[in-house]
PDB file of all heavy atoms in Angstrom:
ATOM      1  N   LYS A   1       0.852  -1.250  -0.037  1.00  0.00           N
ATOM      2  CA  LYS A   1       0.040  -0.018   0.004  1.00  0.00           C
ATOM      3  C   LYS A   1       0.838   1.221  -0.005  1.00  0.00           C
ATOM      4  O   LYS A   1       1.888   1.231   0.733  1.00  0.00           O
ATOM      5  CB  LYS A   1      -0.870   0.053   1.233  1.00  0.00           C
ATOM      6  CG  LYS A   1      -1.997  -1.033   1.268  1.00  0.00           C
ATOM      7  CD  LYS A   1      -2.897  -0.809   2.466  1.00  0.00           C
ATOM      8  CE  LYS A   1      -3.979  -1.862   2.572  1.00  0.00           C
ATOM      9  NZ  LYS A   1      -3.402  -3.197   3.155  1.00  0.00           N
ATOM     10  N   GLU A   2       0.484   2.208  -0.770  1.00  0.00           N
ATOM     11  CA  GLU A   2       1.120   3.531  -0.739  1.00  0.00           C
ATOM     12  C   GLU A   2       0.211   4.591  -0.289  1.00  0.00           C
ATOM     13  O   GLU A   2      -0.863   4.813  -0.915  1.00  0.00           O
ATOM     14  CB  GLU A   2       1.699   3.888  -2.114  1.00  0.00           C
ATOM     15  CG  GLU A   2       2.444   5.282  -2.094  1.00  0.00           C
ATOM     16  CD  GLU A   2       3.103   5.507  -3.421  1.00  0.00           C
ATOM     17  OE1 GLU A   2       3.341   4.524  -4.205  1.00  0.00           O
ATOM     18  OE2 GLU A   2       3.418   6.715  -3.762  1.00  0.00           O
ATOM     19  N   LEU A   3       0.423   5.151   0.908  1.00  0.00           N
ATOM     20  CA  LEU A   3      -0.520   6.115   1.547  1.00  0.00           C
ATOM     21  C   LEU A   3       0.110   7.536   1.490  1.00  0.00           C
ATOM     22  O   LEU A   3       1.015   7.840   2.208  1.00  0.00           O
ATOM     23  CB  LEU A   3      -0.773   5.708   3.039  1.00  0.00           C
ATOM     24  CG  LEU A   3      -1.249   4.270   3.283  1.00  0.00           C
ATOM     25  CD1 LEU A   3      -1.364   3.967   4.774  1.00  0.00           C
ATOM     26  CD2 LEU A   3      -2.571   4.042   2.589  1.00  0.00           C
ATOM     27  N   PRO A   4      -0.428   8.366   0.559  1.00  0.00           N
ATOM     28  CA  PRO A   4       0.092   9.739   0.550  1.00  0.00           C
ATOM     29  C   PRO A   4      -0.215  10.477   1.820  1.00  0.00           C
ATOM     30  O   PRO A   4      -1.264  10.210   2.480  1.00  0.00           O
ATOM     31  CB  PRO A   4      -0.714  10.381  -0.576  1.00  0.00           C
ATOM     32  CG  PRO A   4      -1.203   9.200  -1.486  1.00  0.00           C
ATOM     33  CD  PRO A   4      -1.521   8.114  -0.434  1.00  0.00           C
ATOM     34  N   CYS A   5       0.695  11.295   2.245  1.00  0.00           N
ATOM     35  CA  CYS A   5       0.516  12.058   3.506  1.00  0.00           C
ATOM     36  C   CYS A   5       1.445  13.275   3.531  1.00  0.00           C
ATOM     37  O   CYS A   5       2.387  13.420   2.773  1.00  0.00           O
ATOM     38  CB  CYS A   5       0.858  11.154   4.703  1.00  0.00           C
ATOM     39  SG  CYS A   5       2.567  10.537   4.768  1.00  0.00           S
ATOM     40  N   ASP A   6       1.055  14.153   4.454  1.00  0.00           N
ATOM     41  CA  ASP A   6       1.836  15.416   4.688  1.00  0.00           C
ATOM     42  C   ASP A   6       2.648  15.337   5.936  1.00  0.00           C
ATOM     43  O   ASP A   6       3.567  16.164   6.092  1.00  0.00           O
ATOM     44  CB  ASP A   6       0.848  16.567   4.744  1.00  0.00           C
ATOM     45  CG  ASP A   6       0.002  16.618   3.533  1.00  0.00           C
ATOM     46  OD1 ASP A   6       0.571  16.768   2.432  1.00  0.00           O
ATOM     47  OD2 ASP A   6      -1.296  16.643   3.651  1.00  0.00           O
ATOM     48  N   MET A   7       2.332  14.376   6.841  1.00  0.00           N
ATOM     49  CA  MET A   7       3.059  14.164   8.028  1.00  0.00           C
ATOM     50  C   MET A   7       2.754  12.729   8.602  1.00  0.00           C
ATOM     51  O   MET A   7       1.786  12.149   8.101  1.00  0.00           O
ATOM     52  CB  MET A   7       2.819  15.256   9.085  1.00  0.00           C
ATOM     53  CG  MET A   7       1.308  15.246   9.494  1.00  0.00           C
ATOM     54  SD  MET A   7       1.017  16.550  10.783  1.00  0.00           S
ATOM     55  CE  MET A   7       1.794  15.891  12.173  1.00  0.00           C
ATOM     56  N   VAL A   8       3.630  12.315   9.507  1.00  0.00           N
ATOM     57  CA  VAL A   8       3.535  10.970  10.108  1.00  0.00           C
ATOM     58  C   VAL A   8       3.707  11.079  11.596  1.00  0.00           C
ATOM     59  O   VAL A   8       4.574  11.837  12.012  1.00  0.00           O
ATOM     60  CB  VAL A   8       4.521   9.930   9.532  1.00  0.00           C
ATOM     61  CG1 VAL A   8       4.550   8.693  10.304  1.00  0.00           C
ATOM     62  CG2 VAL A   8       4.264   9.741   8.044  1.00  0.00           C
ATOM     63  N   VAL A   9       2.883  10.337  12.378  1.00  0.00           N
ATOM     64  CA  VAL A   9       3.139  10.255  13.849  1.00  0.00           C
ATOM     65  C   VAL A   9       3.312   8.737  14.197  1.00  0.00           C
ATOM     66  O   VAL A   9       2.451   7.973  13.816  1.00  0.00           O
ATOM     67  CB  VAL A   9       1.950  10.887  14.596  1.00  0.00           C
ATOM     68  CG1 VAL A   9       2.249  10.752  16.084  1.00  0.00           C
ATOM     69  CG2 VAL A   9       1.812  12.309  14.269  1.00  0.00           C
ATOM     70  N   ILE A  10       4.351   8.453  14.755  1.00  0.00           N
ATOM     71  CA  ILE A  10       4.739   7.120  15.119  1.00  0.00           C
ATOM     72  C   ILE A  10       4.469   6.799  16.589  1.00  0.00           C
ATOM     73  O   ILE A  10       4.923   7.540  17.450  1.00  0.00           O
ATOM     74  CB  ILE A  10       6.174   6.709  14.745  1.00  0.00           C
ATOM     75  CG1 ILE A  10       6.432   6.965  13.281  1.00  0.00           C
ATOM     76  CG2 ILE A  10       6.486   5.294  15.140  1.00  0.00           C
ATOM     77  CD1 ILE A  10       7.851   6.785  12.839  1.00  0.00           C
ATOM     78  N   GLY A  11       3.637   5.782  16.854  1.00  0.00           N
ATOM     79  CA  GLY A  11       3.417   5.263  18.238  1.00  0.00           C
ATOM     80  C   GLY A  11       3.781   3.827  18.245  1.00  0.00           C
ATOM     81  O   GLY A  11       2.938   2.886  18.239  1.00  0.00           O
ATOM     82  N   ALA A  12       5.064   3.535  18.459  1.00  0.00           N
ATOM     83  CA  ALA A  12       5.602   2.175  18.419  1.00  0.00           C
ATOM     84  C   ALA A  12       5.942   1.709  19.814  1.00  0.00           C
ATOM     85  O   ALA A  12       6.743   0.690  19.957  1.00  0.00           O
ATOM     86  CB  ALA A  12       6.767   2.051  17.563  1.00  0.00           C
ATOM     87  N   GLY A  13       5.407   2.360  20.838  1.00  0.00           N
ATOM     88  CA  GLY A  13       5.687   1.875  22.146  1.00  0.00           C
ATOM     89  C   GLY A  13       6.857   2.528  22.819  1.00  0.00           C
ATOM     90  O   GLY A  13       7.524   3.485  22.146  1.00  0.00           O
ATOM     91  N   VAL A  14       7.234   2.116  24.023  1.00  0.00           N
ATOM     92  CA  VAL A  14       8.356   2.734  24.659  1.00  0.00           C
ATOM     93  C   VAL A  14       9.261   1.605  25.268  1.00  0.00           C
ATOM     94  O   VAL A  14       8.804   0.498  25.437  1.00  0.00           O
ATOM     95  CB  VAL A  14       7.914   3.658  25.824  1.00  0.00           C
ATOM     96  CG1 VAL A  14       7.207   4.831  25.289  1.00  0.00           C
ATOM     97  CG2 VAL A  14       7.098   2.917  26.835  1.00  0.00           C
ATOM     98  N   THR A  15      10.454   1.986  25.741  1.00  0.00           N
ATOM     99  CA  THR A  15      11.319   1.045  26.439  1.00  0.00           C
ATOM    100  C   THR A  15      11.761   1.747  27.794  1.00  0.00           C
ATOM    101  O   THR A  15      11.979   2.933  27.814  1.00  0.00           O
ATOM    102  CB  THR A  15      12.579   0.669  25.667  1.00  0.00           C
ATOM    103  OG1 THR A  15      13.214   1.934  25.320  1.00  0.00           O
ATOM    104  CG2 THR A  15      12.260  -0.058  24.339  1.00  0.00           C
ATOM    105  N   PRO A  16      11.687   0.984  28.859  1.00  0.00           N
ATOM    106  CA  PRO A  16      12.068   1.584  30.180  1.00  0.00           C
ATOM    107  C   PRO A  16      13.460   2.133  30.142  1.00  0.00           C
ATOM    108  O   PRO A  16      14.462   1.422  29.580  1.00  0.00           O
ATOM    109  CB  PRO A  16      11.844   0.446  31.128  1.00  0.00           C
ATOM    110  CG  PRO A  16      12.001  -0.805  30.332  1.00  0.00           C
ATOM    111  CD  PRO A  16      11.511  -0.487  28.963  1.00  0.00           C
ATOM    112  N   ASP A  17      13.712   3.259  30.716  1.00  0.00           N
ATOM    113  CA  ASP A  17      15.060   3.863  30.754  1.00  0.00           C
ATOM    114  C   ASP A  17      15.749   3.429  32.030  1.00  0.00           C
ATOM    115  O   ASP A  17      15.731   4.097  33.060  1.00  0.00           O
ATOM    116  CB  ASP A  17      14.937   5.378  30.730  1.00  0.00           C
ATOM    117  CG  ASP A  17      16.293   6.072  30.583  1.00  0.00           C
ATOM    118  OD1 ASP A  17      17.294   5.312  30.578  1.00  0.00           O
ATOM    119  OD2 ASP A  17      16.394   7.265  30.505  1.00  0.00           O
ATOM    120  N   VAL A  18      16.421   2.300  31.908  1.00  0.00           N
ATOM    121  CA  VAL A  18      17.121   1.649  33.113  1.00  0.00           C
ATOM    122  C   VAL A  18      18.681   1.790  33.023  1.00  0.00           C
ATOM    123  O   VAL A  18      19.372   1.078  33.715  1.00  0.00           O
ATOM    124  CB  VAL A  18      16.711   0.145  33.298  1.00  0.00           C
ATOM    125  CG1 VAL A  18      15.150   0.071  33.616  1.00  0.00           C
ATOM    126  CG2 VAL A  18      17.050  -0.656  32.041  1.00  0.00           C
ATOM    127  N   SER A  19      19.061   2.679  32.141  1.00  0.00           N
ATOM    128  CA  SER A  19      20.554   2.752  31.927  1.00  0.00           C
ATOM    129  C   SER A  19      21.241   3.230  33.193  1.00  0.00           C
ATOM    130  O   SER A  19      22.291   2.738  33.572  1.00  0.00           O
ATOM    131  CB  SER A  19      20.846   3.788  30.730  1.00  0.00           C
ATOM    132  OG  SER A  19      20.186   4.991  30.943  1.00  0.00           O
ATOM    133  N   LEU A  20      20.680   4.192  33.861  1.00  0.00           N
ATOM    134  CA  LEU A  20      21.246   4.691  35.098  1.00  0.00           C
ATOM    135  C   LEU A  20      21.271   3.636  36.176  1.00  0.00           C
ATOM    136  O   LEU A  20      22.233   3.353  36.855  1.00  0.00           O
ATOM    137  CB  LEU A  20      20.527   5.946  35.606  1.00  0.00           C
ATOM    138  CG  LEU A  20      21.111   6.542  36.913  1.00  0.00           C
ATOM    139  CD1 LEU A  20      22.532   7.106  36.688  1.00  0.00           C
ATOM    140  CD2 LEU A  20      20.209   7.701  37.373  1.00  0.00           C
ATOM    141  N   ALA A  21      20.163   2.978  36.333  1.00  0.00           N
ATOM    142  CA  ALA A  21      19.993   1.834  37.297  1.00  0.00           C
ATOM    143  C   ALA A  21      20.926   0.711  37.045  1.00  0.00           C
ATOM    144  O   ALA A  21      21.632   0.220  37.997  1.00  0.00           O
ATOM    145  CB  ALA A  21      18.581   1.316  37.308  1.00  0.00           C
ATOM    146  N   LYS A  22      21.082   0.400  35.780  1.00  0.00           N
ATOM    147  CA  LYS A  22      22.066  -0.735  35.482  1.00  0.00           C
ATOM    148  C   LYS A  22      23.432  -0.379  35.761  1.00  0.00           C
ATOM    149  O   LYS A  22      24.265  -1.117  36.382  1.00  0.00           O
ATOM    150  CB  LYS A  22      21.901  -1.048  33.934  1.00  0.00           C
ATOM    151  CG  LYS A  22      20.791  -1.950  33.520  1.00  0.00           C
ATOM    152  CD  LYS A  22      20.910  -2.278  32.064  1.00  0.00           C
ATOM    153  CE  LYS A  22      19.837  -3.291  31.674  1.00  0.00           C
ATOM    154  NZ  LYS A  22      19.851  -3.568  30.178  1.00  0.00           N
ATOM    155  N   ALA A  23      23.854   0.872  35.367  1.00  0.00           N
ATOM    156  CA  ALA A  23      25.189   1.377  35.617  1.00  0.00           C
ATOM    157  C   ALA A  23      25.552   1.429  37.110  1.00  0.00           C
ATOM    158  O   ALA A  23      26.653   1.297  37.542  1.00  0.00           O
ATOM    159  CB  ALA A  23      25.411   2.714  34.985  1.00  0.00           C
ATOM    160  N   ALA A  24      24.459   1.658  37.881  1.00  0.00           N
ATOM    161  CA  ALA A  24      24.619   1.717  39.351  1.00  0.00           C
ATOM    162  C   ALA A  24      24.675   0.395  40.074  1.00  0.00           C
ATOM    163  O   ALA A  24      24.895   0.232  41.303  1.00  0.00           O
ATOM    164  CB  ALA A  24      23.544   2.582  39.942  1.00  0.00           C
TER     165      ALA A  24
END
């Protein structure tokens, strides 16, 4: 499918930001 558009919004989820916790 080709969907013409003027803009895109992506909602692909999130990942927990545990970088500080891991490093600690």
